[in-house]
Protein backbone atom coordinates (compact mmCIF):
# COMPACT_ATOMS: atom_id res chain seq x y z
CA MET A 1 129.34 -30.57 87.72
CA GLY A 2 127.76 -31.81 84.50
CA SER A 3 125.01 -34.36 84.00
CA ILE A 4 124.34 -37.39 86.16
CA THR A 5 122.03 -40.39 85.88
CA GLY A 6 119.46 -41.36 88.44
CA SER A 7 121.54 -44.46 89.22
CA GLU A 8 124.64 -42.40 89.95
CA LEU A 9 122.61 -39.90 91.95
CA LEU A 10 121.16 -42.74 94.06
CA ALA A 11 124.65 -44.06 94.83
CA LYS A 12 125.88 -40.57 95.80
CA SER A 13 122.80 -39.96 97.94
CA LEU A 14 123.23 -43.21 99.87
CA LYS A 15 126.89 -42.48 100.47
CA ALA A 16 126.10 -38.92 101.56
CA GLN A 17 123.85 -40.37 104.27
CA GLY A 18 126.69 -42.49 105.63
CA MET A 19 126.43 -45.77 103.73
CA ASP A 20 129.90 -47.34 103.67
CA THR A 21 128.84 -50.94 103.01
CA LEU A 22 126.24 -52.31 100.60
CA PHE A 23 124.75 -55.81 100.80
CA TYR A 24 123.14 -56.83 97.52
CA LEU A 25 122.60 -59.34 94.76
CA MET A 26 123.29 -57.79 91.36
CA GLY A 27 120.61 -57.45 88.74
CA GLY A 28 118.65 -54.99 86.64
CA PRO A 29 117.75 -52.24 86.86
CA MET A 30 120.17 -51.71 89.79
CA LEU A 31 123.43 -52.64 88.03
CA GLU A 32 124.55 -49.08 87.33
CA THR A 33 123.78 -48.01 90.90
CA GLU A 34 125.76 -50.92 92.31
CA SER A 35 128.71 -50.11 90.04
CA ALA A 36 128.52 -46.44 91.04
CA CYS A 37 128.58 -47.38 94.72
CA ILE A 38 131.76 -49.40 94.19
CA LYS A 39 133.39 -46.48 92.29
CA LEU A 40 132.58 -44.23 95.27
CA GLY A 41 134.55 -46.52 97.58
CA VAL A 42 131.61 -48.32 99.17
CA ARG A 43 132.39 -51.88 100.25
CA ALA A 44 130.04 -54.08 98.23
CA ILE A 45 129.15 -57.51 99.64
CA ASP A 46 127.27 -59.51 97.03
CA SER A 47 125.27 -62.37 98.48
CA ARG A 48 123.95 -65.63 97.05
CA HIS A 49 120.33 -64.74 97.81
CA GLU A 50 118.56 -61.42 98.37
CA GLN A 51 117.18 -62.68 101.69
CA GLY A 52 120.75 -63.15 102.85
CA ALA A 53 121.68 -59.61 101.77
CA ALA A 54 118.86 -58.13 103.86
CA MET A 55 119.84 -60.23 106.88
CA MET A 56 123.50 -59.20 106.57
CA ALA A 57 122.45 -55.55 106.47
CA HIS A 58 120.22 -56.15 109.49
CA ALA A 59 123.09 -57.56 111.56
CA TYR A 60 125.36 -54.77 110.37
CA SER A 61 122.84 -52.22 111.65
CA ARG A 62 122.55 -54.05 114.97
CA LEU A 63 126.29 -53.87 115.61
CA THR A 64 126.92 -50.34 114.31
CA ARG A 65 123.66 -48.70 115.44
CA ARG A 66 123.45 -47.22 111.92
CA PRO A 67 121.07 -48.19 109.11
CA GLY A 68 122.32 -51.12 107.05
CA VAL A 69 121.63 -50.90 103.31
CA CYS A 70 120.53 -53.75 101.05
CA MET A 71 119.61 -53.74 97.38
CA ALA A 72 117.89 -56.11 94.97
CA SER A 73 116.80 -56.36 91.36
CA SER A 74 113.21 -55.99 90.25
CA GLY A 75 110.42 -58.52 90.73
CA PRO A 76 111.63 -61.83 92.20
CA GLY A 77 114.82 -60.24 93.54
CA THR A 78 112.99 -57.59 95.56
CA ILE A 79 110.42 -60.13 96.72
CA ASN A 80 113.22 -62.45 97.87
CA MET A 81 114.55 -59.58 99.99
CA ALA A 82 111.21 -59.18 101.77
CA THR A 83 111.73 -61.95 104.36
CA GLY A 84 114.85 -60.27 105.69
CA VAL A 85 113.13 -56.88 105.71
CA ALA A 86 110.10 -58.27 107.56
CA ASN A 87 112.45 -59.77 110.15
CA ALA A 88 114.08 -56.36 110.68
CA PHE A 89 110.61 -54.81 111.02
CA VAL A 90 109.57 -57.14 113.83
CA ASP A 91 113.06 -56.81 115.33
CA ALA A 92 112.75 -52.98 115.23
CA ALA A 93 116.10 -52.61 113.43
CA PRO A 94 116.94 -49.69 111.11
CA LEU A 95 117.42 -50.81 107.54
CA VAL A 96 117.25 -49.09 104.14
CA ALA A 97 116.10 -51.55 101.48
CA VAL A 98 116.24 -50.52 97.81
CA GLY A 99 114.47 -52.43 95.09
CA GLY A 100 114.48 -51.84 91.37
CA THR A 101 111.18 -52.09 89.54
CA SER A 102 109.77 -51.99 86.02
CA PRO A 103 109.94 -48.69 84.09
CA ARG A 104 107.15 -46.32 85.13
CA VAL A 105 106.11 -45.79 81.48
CA TYR A 106 105.13 -49.47 81.32
CA PHE A 107 103.23 -49.67 84.62
CA GLY A 108 100.09 -51.75 84.14
CA MET A 109 101.25 -53.21 80.81
CA ASP A 110 102.63 -56.54 82.06
CA ALA A 111 106.21 -55.34 81.74
CA PHE A 112 109.17 -57.62 82.51
CA GLN A 113 109.12 -58.57 86.21
CA GLU A 114 106.29 -56.12 86.89
CA VAL A 115 104.66 -56.58 90.29
CA ASP A 116 103.35 -54.14 92.89
CA GLN A 117 106.41 -54.21 95.13
CA LEU A 118 105.41 -51.05 97.00
CA SER A 119 102.16 -52.58 98.27
CA LEU A 120 104.08 -55.70 99.29
CA TYR A 121 106.54 -53.71 101.40
CA LYS A 122 104.22 -51.22 103.09
CA PRO A 123 102.98 -53.64 105.78
CA ILE A 124 106.52 -54.80 106.66
CA THR A 125 108.30 -51.43 106.87
CA LYS A 126 108.04 -48.22 108.86
CA TRP A 127 107.87 -46.26 105.63
CA ALA A 128 107.88 -47.15 101.95
CA THR A 129 107.70 -45.02 98.82
CA ARG A 130 108.34 -45.03 95.08
CA ILE A 131 110.55 -42.36 93.51
CA LEU A 132 109.08 -41.07 90.24
CA ASP A 133 111.48 -38.19 89.53
CA ALA A 134 115.27 -38.54 89.58
CA LYS A 135 115.65 -35.05 91.04
CA ARG A 136 113.82 -36.22 94.17
CA ILE A 137 116.30 -39.02 94.87
CA PRO A 138 118.61 -37.19 97.34
CA ASP A 139 115.71 -35.76 99.37
CA VAL A 140 113.84 -39.07 99.53
CA VAL A 141 116.98 -41.01 100.50
CA ALA A 142 117.63 -38.54 103.34
CA THR A 143 114.02 -38.96 104.46
CA ALA A 144 114.44 -42.74 104.38
CA PHE A 145 117.40 -42.63 106.77
CA ARG A 146 115.53 -40.28 109.09
CA GLN A 147 112.45 -42.52 109.06
CA ALA A 148 114.53 -45.62 109.77
CA THR A 149 116.15 -44.11 112.85
CA SER A 150 113.54 -41.80 114.40
CA GLY A 151 111.58 -43.03 117.41
CA ARG A 152 111.28 -46.78 117.32
CA PRO A 153 113.80 -47.91 114.66
CA GLY A 154 112.76 -50.00 111.69
CA PRO A 155 113.29 -50.77 108.00
CA VAL A 156 112.23 -48.53 105.11
CA PHE A 157 111.84 -49.35 101.43
CA LEU A 158 112.58 -47.35 98.29
CA ASP A 159 111.09 -48.50 94.98
CA LEU A 160 113.12 -47.33 91.95
CA PRO A 161 111.65 -47.67 88.43
CA GLY A 162 114.23 -48.44 85.77
CA ASP A 163 113.54 -45.32 83.70
CA VAL A 164 113.95 -43.07 86.74
CA LEU A 165 117.35 -44.65 87.32
CA GLY A 166 118.23 -43.98 83.69
CA GLU A 167 117.00 -40.39 83.75
CA VAL A 168 119.75 -37.79 83.15
CA VAL A 169 119.71 -34.56 85.18
CA GLU A 170 122.06 -31.65 85.80
CA GLU A 171 123.84 -32.46 89.04
CA SER A 172 124.06 -28.77 89.98
CA SER A 173 120.26 -28.56 89.95
CA VAL A 174 119.88 -31.23 92.63
CA PRO A 175 120.79 -30.19 96.22
CA MET A 176 122.29 -32.91 98.41
CA PRO A 177 120.78 -32.94 101.93
CA ALA A 178 123.09 -33.06 104.94
CA HIS A 179 124.01 -36.36 106.60
CA TRP A 180 121.21 -37.63 108.84
CA ARG A 181 121.62 -37.05 112.57
CA PRO A 182 119.90 -38.90 115.41
CA ALA A 183 117.01 -36.97 116.95
CA PRO A 184 117.54 -35.42 120.41
CA ARG A 185 116.84 -37.82 123.27
CA ALA A 186 113.33 -37.54 124.67
CA HIS A 187 113.22 -37.21 128.47
CA GLY A 188 110.39 -38.61 130.56
CA ASP A 189 107.79 -36.57 132.40
CA PRO A 190 109.37 -35.61 135.78
CA ALA A 191 106.10 -36.42 137.58
CA ALA A 192 106.13 -39.93 136.11
CA ILE A 193 109.79 -40.35 137.10
CA SER A 194 108.94 -39.45 140.71
CA GLU A 195 105.95 -41.81 140.66
CA ALA A 196 108.13 -44.66 139.35
CA ILE A 197 110.72 -44.27 142.13
CA ALA A 198 107.97 -44.02 144.75
CA LEU A 199 106.49 -47.31 143.48
CA LEU A 200 109.89 -49.02 143.54
CA SER A 201 110.55 -47.74 147.06
CA ARG A 202 107.43 -49.57 148.28
CA ALA A 203 108.19 -52.79 146.39
CA GLU A 204 109.44 -55.95 148.06
CA ARG A 205 110.22 -58.01 144.95
CA PRO A 206 111.10 -55.56 142.18
CA LEU A 207 112.54 -56.56 138.83
CA ILE A 208 114.04 -54.71 135.88
CA VAL A 209 113.46 -56.03 132.34
CA ALA A 210 115.45 -54.31 129.60
CA GLY A 211 114.94 -54.65 125.87
CA SER A 212 116.26 -53.46 122.53
CA GLY A 213 115.52 -49.83 123.38
CA VAL A 214 118.45 -50.00 125.79
CA TRP A 215 120.74 -51.12 122.98
CA TRP A 216 119.57 -48.60 120.38
CA SER A 217 119.94 -45.70 122.83
CA ASP A 218 123.37 -46.96 124.00
CA ALA A 219 122.01 -47.15 127.54
CA GLY A 220 123.95 -50.16 128.84
CA ALA A 221 126.11 -48.09 131.20
CA ALA A 222 123.09 -46.15 132.46
CA LEU A 223 121.19 -49.39 133.02
CA GLN A 224 124.04 -50.96 134.97
CA ALA A 225 124.49 -47.82 137.07
CA PHE A 226 120.81 -47.83 138.04
CA VAL A 227 120.72 -51.58 138.71
CA GLU A 228 123.69 -51.31 141.06
CA ALA A 229 122.48 -48.15 142.79
CA ALA A 230 119.01 -49.60 143.35
CA GLY A 231 120.09 -53.19 144.07
CA ILE A 232 117.33 -54.58 141.84
CA PRO A 233 117.75 -57.88 139.90
CA PHE A 234 117.56 -57.54 136.12
CA TYR A 235 116.80 -59.53 133.00
CA THR A 236 117.28 -58.65 129.37
CA THR A 237 115.40 -59.75 126.30
CA PRO A 238 117.39 -61.43 123.50
CA LEU A 239 118.01 -58.15 121.67
CA SER A 240 119.68 -56.48 124.65
CA ARG A 241 121.67 -59.31 126.16
CA GLY A 242 125.08 -58.23 127.36
CA SER A 243 123.94 -54.68 128.16
CA ILE A 244 125.11 -55.71 131.62
CA PRO A 245 127.52 -58.69 131.76
CA GLU A 246 125.50 -61.79 132.58
CA ASP A 247 127.85 -62.85 135.38
CA HIS A 248 126.85 -59.72 137.31
CA ASP A 249 125.89 -60.16 140.98
CA LEU A 250 122.27 -59.24 140.19
CA ALA A 251 121.92 -61.47 137.10
CA PHE A 252 120.13 -64.74 137.84
CA LEU A 253 119.64 -66.42 134.47
CA PHE A 254 118.40 -69.72 135.85
CA ALA A 255 115.79 -68.09 138.10
CA ARG A 256 114.06 -66.18 135.32
CA ALA A 257 110.70 -68.01 135.46
CA ARG A 258 110.44 -67.65 139.24
CA ALA A 259 111.49 -64.00 139.13
CA PHE A 260 108.85 -63.13 136.55
CA SER A 261 106.04 -64.96 138.33
CA GLU A 262 106.81 -63.56 141.80
CA ALA A 263 107.82 -59.96 141.07
CA ASP A 264 105.50 -57.35 142.60
CA VAL A 265 106.86 -54.39 140.58
CA VAL A 266 108.56 -54.55 137.19
CA LEU A 267 110.45 -51.70 135.57
CA ASN A 268 110.21 -52.43 131.85
CA VAL A 269 112.76 -50.37 129.90
CA GLY A 270 112.58 -50.38 126.12
CA THR A 271 110.95 -53.72 125.46
CA ARG A 272 107.53 -54.60 124.14
CA PHE A 273 105.03 -56.70 126.05
CA ASN A 274 105.02 -59.28 123.27
CA TYR A 275 105.14 -63.07 123.37
CA VAL A 276 108.81 -63.06 124.42
CA ILE A 277 107.70 -62.02 127.91
CA GLN A 278 104.21 -63.50 127.52
CA PHE A 279 102.48 -60.16 127.02
CA GLY A 280 103.06 -59.23 130.66
CA ARG A 281 100.11 -61.40 131.67
CA PRO A 282 99.46 -64.35 134.03
CA PRO A 283 100.57 -67.06 134.50
CA ARG A 284 104.00 -65.80 133.40
CA TRP A 285 103.53 -62.75 135.61
CA ALA A 286 101.59 -62.27 138.84
CA ALA A 287 98.08 -60.95 138.24
CA ASP A 288 98.68 -57.98 140.55
CA VAL A 289 102.20 -57.03 139.41
CA LYS A 290 102.66 -53.26 139.07
CA VAL A 291 104.25 -52.08 135.83
CA ILE A 292 106.49 -49.10 135.12
CA GLN A 293 106.90 -48.99 131.35
CA VAL A 294 109.51 -46.88 129.53
CA ASP A 295 109.39 -46.68 125.72
CA VAL A 296 110.43 -44.27 122.99
CA ASP A 297 107.27 -45.25 121.08
CA PRO A 298 104.23 -43.86 122.93
CA THR A 299 101.91 -46.32 121.20
CA GLU A 300 103.64 -49.18 123.06
CA LEU A 301 102.74 -47.78 126.48
CA GLY A 302 99.92 -49.94 127.82
CA HIS A 303 99.96 -52.23 124.77
CA ASN A 304 98.82 -55.77 125.70
CA ARG A 305 98.65 -54.90 129.41
CA PRO A 306 98.04 -51.68 131.38
CA ALA A 307 101.03 -49.69 132.58
CA ASP A 308 100.66 -48.32 136.12
CA VAL A 309 103.35 -45.73 135.38
CA PRO A 310 103.80 -45.12 131.64
CA ILE A 311 106.90 -43.11 130.71
CA PHE A 312 107.40 -41.89 127.16
CA GLY A 313 111.10 -41.30 126.55
CA ASP A 314 114.48 -42.51 125.40
CA ALA A 315 115.87 -45.36 127.52
CA ARG A 316 119.19 -43.70 128.34
CA ALA A 317 117.63 -40.34 129.16
CA VAL A 318 114.95 -41.89 131.39
CA LEU A 319 117.43 -44.15 133.20
CA SER A 320 119.54 -41.10 133.99
CA GLN A 321 116.44 -39.36 135.34
CA LEU A 322 115.54 -42.39 137.46
CA MET A 323 119.10 -42.53 138.78
CA ALA A 324 118.97 -38.91 139.90
CA GLU A 325 115.50 -39.27 141.43
CA ALA A 326 116.43 -42.46 143.30
CA LYS A 327 119.19 -40.88 145.39
CA GLY A 328 118.25 -41.24 149.04
CA LYS A 329 114.86 -42.75 148.17
CA LEU A 330 115.67 -46.42 147.42
CA ASP A 331 116.96 -48.75 150.14
CA LYS A 332 118.90 -51.71 148.69
CA GLY A 333 118.54 -53.54 151.99
CA ARG A 334 114.78 -53.68 151.47
CA TYR A 335 115.26 -56.15 148.62
CA ARG A 336 117.89 -58.36 150.28
CA THR A 337 115.55 -61.28 150.97
CA TRP A 338 114.31 -61.19 147.37
CA VAL A 339 117.81 -61.08 145.95
CA GLU A 340 118.97 -63.96 148.14
CA ARG A 341 115.98 -66.05 147.09
CA LEU A 342 116.71 -65.60 143.39
CA LYS A 343 120.40 -66.20 144.01
CA SER A 344 119.64 -69.52 145.72
CA ILE A 345 117.35 -70.70 142.91
CA ASP A 346 119.87 -69.62 140.29
CA ALA A 347 122.71 -71.49 141.98
CA GLU A 348 120.70 -74.69 142.36
CA LYS A 349 119.44 -74.73 138.77
CA GLY A 350 122.83 -73.64 137.50
CA LEU A 351 124.43 -76.72 139.05
CA GLU A 352 121.80 -78.93 137.44
CA SER A 353 122.47 -77.32 134.08
CA GLU A 354 126.25 -77.68 134.42
CA LYS A 355 125.80 -81.36 135.20
CA ALA A 356 123.69 -81.87 132.08
CA MET A 357 126.17 -79.89 130.00
CA SER A 358 129.04 -82.11 131.16
CA ASP A 359 127.34 -85.41 130.25
CA ASP A 360 129.65 -87.60 128.13
CA LYS A 361 126.96 -89.84 126.64
CA VAL A 362 127.10 -90.50 122.91
CA PRO A 363 125.44 -89.16 120.82
CA ILE A 364 126.03 -85.98 122.77
CA HIS A 365 123.19 -83.91 124.14
CA PRO A 366 122.82 -80.42 122.62
CA LEU A 367 123.66 -78.98 126.04
CA ARG A 368 127.08 -80.61 125.82
CA LEU A 369 127.63 -78.83 122.51
CA CYS A 370 126.54 -75.57 124.15
CA LYS A 371 129.16 -76.10 126.86
CA GLU A 372 131.91 -76.61 124.29
CA VAL A 373 130.88 -73.45 122.46
CA ARG A 374 130.57 -71.50 125.73
CA ASP A 375 134.03 -72.53 126.88
CA PHE A 376 135.53 -71.68 123.49
CA LEU A 377 134.08 -68.19 123.16
CA ARG A 378 136.08 -65.12 124.05
CA ARG A 379 134.42 -62.86 126.58
CA ASP A 380 133.62 -60.21 123.96
CA ALA A 381 132.68 -62.68 121.21
CA ILE A 382 129.63 -62.10 119.03
CA LEU A 383 127.45 -65.19 119.19
CA VAL A 384 124.69 -65.81 116.66
CA VAL A 385 122.28 -68.65 117.45
CA ASP A 386 119.80 -69.84 114.84
CA GLY A 387 117.48 -72.80 114.92
CA GLN A 388 114.76 -74.25 117.08
CA GLU A 389 116.20 -76.91 119.35
CA ILE A 390 119.69 -75.39 119.65
CA LEU A 391 118.24 -71.93 120.19
CA ASN A 392 116.24 -73.19 123.17
CA TYR A 393 119.20 -75.00 124.70
CA GLY A 394 121.63 -72.15 124.07
CA ARG A 395 119.38 -69.47 125.53
CA GLN A 396 120.34 -69.92 129.20
CA SER A 397 123.42 -72.11 128.93
CA ILE A 398 125.62 -69.65 127.02
CA PRO A 399 125.91 -66.21 128.64
CA THR A 400 126.73 -62.90 126.95
CA PHE A 401 129.01 -60.29 128.47
CA THR A 402 129.18 -57.49 125.90
CA ALA A 403 126.32 -55.26 124.78
CA GLY A 404 124.97 -56.06 121.34
CA HIS A 405 127.03 -59.23 120.98
CA ARG A 406 124.15 -61.73 121.00
CA LEU A 407 122.02 -62.17 117.90
CA ASN A 408 119.37 -64.76 117.16
CA SER A 409 116.16 -65.38 115.26
CA GLY A 410 114.48 -62.64 117.30
CA PRO A 411 110.77 -62.07 117.95
CA PHE A 412 109.87 -63.00 114.35
CA GLY A 413 111.37 -66.47 114.85
CA CYS A 414 112.94 -66.21 111.40
CA MET A 415 115.08 -69.27 110.77
CA GLY A 416 118.00 -68.97 108.37
CA VAL A 417 119.37 -65.73 109.85
CA GLY A 418 122.44 -67.36 111.42
CA LEU A 419 125.11 -67.32 108.72
CA PRO A 420 123.96 -64.01 107.13
CA PHE A 421 123.86 -62.42 110.59
CA GLY A 422 127.35 -63.74 111.27
CA ILE A 423 128.67 -62.26 108.02
CA GLY A 424 127.04 -58.88 108.66
CA ALA A 425 128.37 -58.87 112.23
CA LYS A 426 131.92 -59.67 111.14
CA VAL A 427 131.84 -56.95 108.50
CA ALA A 428 130.73 -54.50 111.20
CA CYS A 429 133.26 -55.75 113.78
CA PRO A 430 136.18 -57.27 111.84
CA ASP A 431 138.44 -57.59 114.90
CA THR A 432 135.88 -59.42 117.05
CA GLN A 433 135.43 -63.20 117.23
CA VAL A 434 132.14 -64.17 115.53
CA VAL A 435 130.67 -67.63 116.07
CA VAL A 436 127.42 -68.89 114.56
CA LEU A 437 125.71 -71.78 116.36
CA HIS A 438 123.30 -73.26 113.81
CA GLY A 439 120.78 -76.02 113.75
CA ASP A 440 121.19 -78.25 110.72
CA GLY A 441 117.82 -77.20 109.32
CA SER A 442 118.34 -73.49 109.79
CA TYR A 443 121.83 -73.70 108.27
CA GLY A 444 120.38 -75.24 105.10
CA ILE A 445 118.12 -72.25 104.48
CA ASN A 446 120.98 -69.83 103.74
CA GLY A 447 123.96 -72.16 103.83
CA THR A 448 125.12 -71.04 100.38
CA GLU A 449 126.17 -67.74 101.98
CA ILE A 450 129.29 -69.60 103.13
CA ASP A 451 130.43 -68.82 99.58
CA THR A 452 129.89 -65.12 100.30
CA ALA A 453 132.07 -65.38 103.40
CA VAL A 454 134.83 -67.17 101.47
CA ARG A 455 134.80 -64.86 98.45
CA HIS A 456 134.95 -61.73 100.58
CA LYS A 457 137.39 -63.21 103.11
CA ILE A 458 135.02 -62.76 106.04
CA PRO A 459 136.22 -65.23 108.74
CA VAL A 460 133.10 -66.51 110.50
CA LEU A 461 133.13 -69.78 112.45
CA VAL A 462 129.99 -71.88 111.99
CA VAL A 463 129.11 -74.73 114.38
CA ILE A 464 126.21 -76.96 113.35
CA SER A 465 124.09 -78.89 115.82
CA ASN A 466 122.81 -81.82 113.78
CA ASN A 467 119.76 -83.50 115.25
CA GLY A 468 118.96 -85.20 111.96
CA GLY A 469 115.63 -83.59 111.18
CA TRP A 470 113.05 -80.89 111.76
CA THR A 471 112.47 -81.77 115.37
CA ALA A 472 113.21 -80.64 118.91
CA ASP A 473 113.88 -84.20 120.09
CA PRO A 474 117.50 -84.45 121.37
CA LYS A 475 117.38 -88.24 120.88
CA GLN A 476 117.23 -87.89 117.09
C-alpha cells in the first residue's frame, strides 16, 4: 500500500463511511484533504461562506437521511461554520463537521489562527473530539458517523491539527472500519403500548402530533396507516410535514389552535415538547390533557411536561406496535363528532384564508405571494421557507404533500438557511423541483450562495418577499 498522509487518510475514511458529497470552503490546513476527496470521486461543493457549507450539508442530510459532511479551515473558518452546526444541533439533524486547527506542537504559543475550537463546538454538538494521532483517523471518523446517527440524531465535530494532517503513516498499519450501519430499531414496552391504546379507546377528542422522529425513522407510511385505522386527526411539526399528505381527510391545518386547546388525549410521536408546541402546557393545551409520548431519546420523556404514558422507542417500530394492539380496540365512530367539529372549523377558516390570498390590492399582501407560490409548486416539490414575516404567512397557506419536502428555519429560528438549504436539497434530490421562499432580510444573510448554485449548475428557484425592512408589518 505504501505511505499515506493524515490528510489523505481523512479523505479515505470519510468516503469509507459513505460520504459522496462534501460541502466546504477551501483553506489551510484542509487543502490536501479537500483535494484528496475530489481525487476519490467525491462531489465537492465549495461555498462562499462556511456557514452556508454547514447549512447545505444539513439540508443534504435531511433529504437523504444520511450524515452530511462539511469542512472548514482553521480559526475564523471553523468558527464561521458554527452557526450552521448549532442549527443542526437544535434541529436534531446528523452532520459531520470537520475543522482544521493549528499544529499541535504550537498549542498555547499563539500560533496562526489558534483558538480553542473544540471547547466552542462541544456545547453545540452531540459529540466533539480532537484527533492527535493520524493512525486514529479512520476509527474516530467511524465513531463520528455512529454518534451522529445513533438515538436522537445530531451533528458531531472533528478537530484536526495541521501537523496531524501532515503526518505520514504506513497505510497497511491502519485498519479501515466498516461502513456505519443504523442501529436496530428500539421497540416500546408492550405494557406501555397496551396502556396507550386503552387511553385512546377512552378518549373523546384525541389528537396525534408527529415530529422529526417520524421522518428520521422513515415512519410516514406507518403513521398514515395508524391515523387511518384509528380515525384520529393529526398534526405534524415543521420537520415532519408531508409525512402524511396535508390534503388528507384527517388533516385540518386551519383548526390547529382549536385542536390543541380542546384535545383530551394527545399521542406525541417523535417530537419534543419545546416552544413549537408551547411545551405541552396551557393555554396552548388543556390543563388536563393526557399525554402519550413516544421518543427514541429517553431523556425527552416527561421533559417540560409529565407524560401519562411514556414510551421509549423508535417511531416506526412503536407505530407498528400500536397498529397491531389497536385492532378491535379502537372505534373510529367514537371520534366522529370531534372530527366533524375540526373539519367545520378548518373549512370556515380555510375559506377566509383563500379570500385573503386572492386579494388583488397593490402592493400585494404576503398571502397573495404565498398563493402564487402554492399554485406554482409541483405536488412533490421541496419548499424551503426562510424569514420572519413570510415564514409565518407561509406556514398554513402552503401545504406539503411529500415526506421531508418542507424545510425552514426550524426550532432554532436561524435566518439565512433558505438558499443554502435549497442548494443542499437540490444536490440531494436533483430531479425534484426545489423552490426557496425568502424574506428580503433572510436572503441577504447568505445571498452570495447564489454564486455557488450558478458555478455548480444547481438549479434552485428563489422567490423573495420584499417587505422593505426588518419588520413583520405587511404594509411596509
